[in-house]
Amino acid sequence: MIIPWKNISADALEGIIEEFIMREGTDYGEHEVSFTDKKEQVLNQLKLGEIVLVFSELHETVNLMPAATFNHDENHAE
């Protein structure tokens, strides 16, 4: 189930983003990206609708996933 990111408190959203970044591990890109910059990148991806906040009822967890994983109608649940 997609959760509109605007419905999450700023503190909760920050915690979700931080946990996501730490779980993803090392950034193997051409340039080193700071943790703060990575957080901004993820938040911008949420704002642009490139990724979505998803709640798994089965696992009772929240995760960030590519919006392309879901159909067009669910992407605009904001």
Protein backbone atom coordinates (compact mmCIF):
# COMPACT_ATOMS: atom_id res chain seq x y z
CA MET A 1 0.00 0.00 0.00
CA ILE A 2 1.42 3.39 -1.00
CA ILE A 3 1.49 6.01 1.75
CA PRO A 4 1.51 9.64 0.61
CA TRP A 5 4.80 11.02 1.92
CA LYS A 6 3.08 14.31 2.79
CA ASN A 7 0.99 12.42 5.37
CA ILE A 8 4.10 11.46 7.37
CA SER A 9 5.58 13.76 10.00
CA ALA A 10 8.89 15.38 9.05
CA ASP A 11 10.70 13.47 11.81
CA ALA A 12 9.24 10.12 10.77
CA LEU A 13 10.02 10.76 7.11
CA GLU A 14 13.59 11.70 7.95
CA GLY A 15 13.99 8.48 9.94
CA ILE A 16 12.60 6.39 7.08
CA ILE A 17 14.94 8.06 4.59
CA GLU A 18 17.97 7.64 6.88
CA GLU A 19 17.19 3.97 7.48
CA PHE A 20 16.73 3.42 3.73
CA ILE A 21 20.10 5.02 2.93
CA MET A 22 21.92 3.01 5.61
CA ARG A 23 20.31 -0.22 4.44
CA GLU A 24 21.29 0.48 0.84
CA GLY A 25 24.94 0.53 1.86
CA THR A 26 27.88 2.15 0.14
CA ASP A 27 27.38 4.50 -2.79
CA TYR A 28 29.55 3.15 -5.61
CA GLY A 29 29.03 6.14 -7.88
CA GLU A 30 31.78 8.08 -9.56
CA HIS A 31 31.69 10.79 -6.88
CA GLU A 32 31.38 10.39 -3.11
CA VAL A 33 28.05 11.74 -1.83
CA SER A 34 27.65 12.89 1.78
CA PHE A 35 24.91 11.40 3.93
CA THR A 36 23.16 14.80 4.06
CA ASP A 37 23.28 15.15 0.28
CA LYS A 38 21.98 11.60 -0.16
CA LYS A 39 19.05 12.41 2.16
CA GLU A 40 18.23 15.44 0.01
CA GLN A 41 18.42 13.33 -3.15
CA VAL A 42 16.00 10.76 -1.74
CA LEU A 43 13.59 13.46 -0.53
CA ASN A 44 13.68 15.10 -3.96
CA GLN A 45 12.94 11.74 -5.60
CA LEU A 46 9.89 11.43 -3.33
CA LYS A 47 8.73 14.95 -4.20
CA LEU A 48 9.14 14.25 -7.92
CA GLY A 49 7.24 10.97 -7.65
CA GLU A 50 10.21 8.90 -8.79
CA ILE A 51 10.03 6.80 -5.63
CA VAL A 52 7.11 6.08 -3.30
CA LEU A 53 6.66 5.24 0.35
CA VAL A 54 5.22 1.74 0.66
CA PHE A 55 3.76 -0.08 3.67
CA SER A 56 3.91 -3.86 3.55
CA GLU A 57 0.95 -5.28 5.44
CA LEU A 58 2.52 -8.73 5.28
CA HIS A 59 5.81 -7.67 6.88
CA GLU A 60 4.46 -4.59 8.72
CA THR A 61 7.34 -2.51 7.36
CA VAL A 62 7.75 0.75 5.46
CA ASN A 63 10.08 1.02 2.50
CA LEU A 64 10.96 3.34 -0.37
CA MET A 65 10.54 1.81 -3.82
CA PRO A 66 10.69 2.98 -7.45
CA ALA A 67 7.34 4.40 -8.53
CA ALA A 68 7.57 2.36 -11.74
CA THR A 69 6.97 -0.72 -9.58
CA PHE A 70 3.37 0.40 -9.14
CA ASN A 71 0.65 1.28 -11.61
CA HIS A 72 -0.04 4.87 -12.65
CA ASP A 73 -3.11 5.31 -10.43
CA GLU A 74 -1.28 4.31 -7.26
CA ASN A 75 1.58 6.72 -8.01
CA HIS A 76 -0.74 9.67 -7.62
CA ALA A 77 -2.16 8.73 -4.23
CA GLU A 78 -0.92 12.05 -2.82
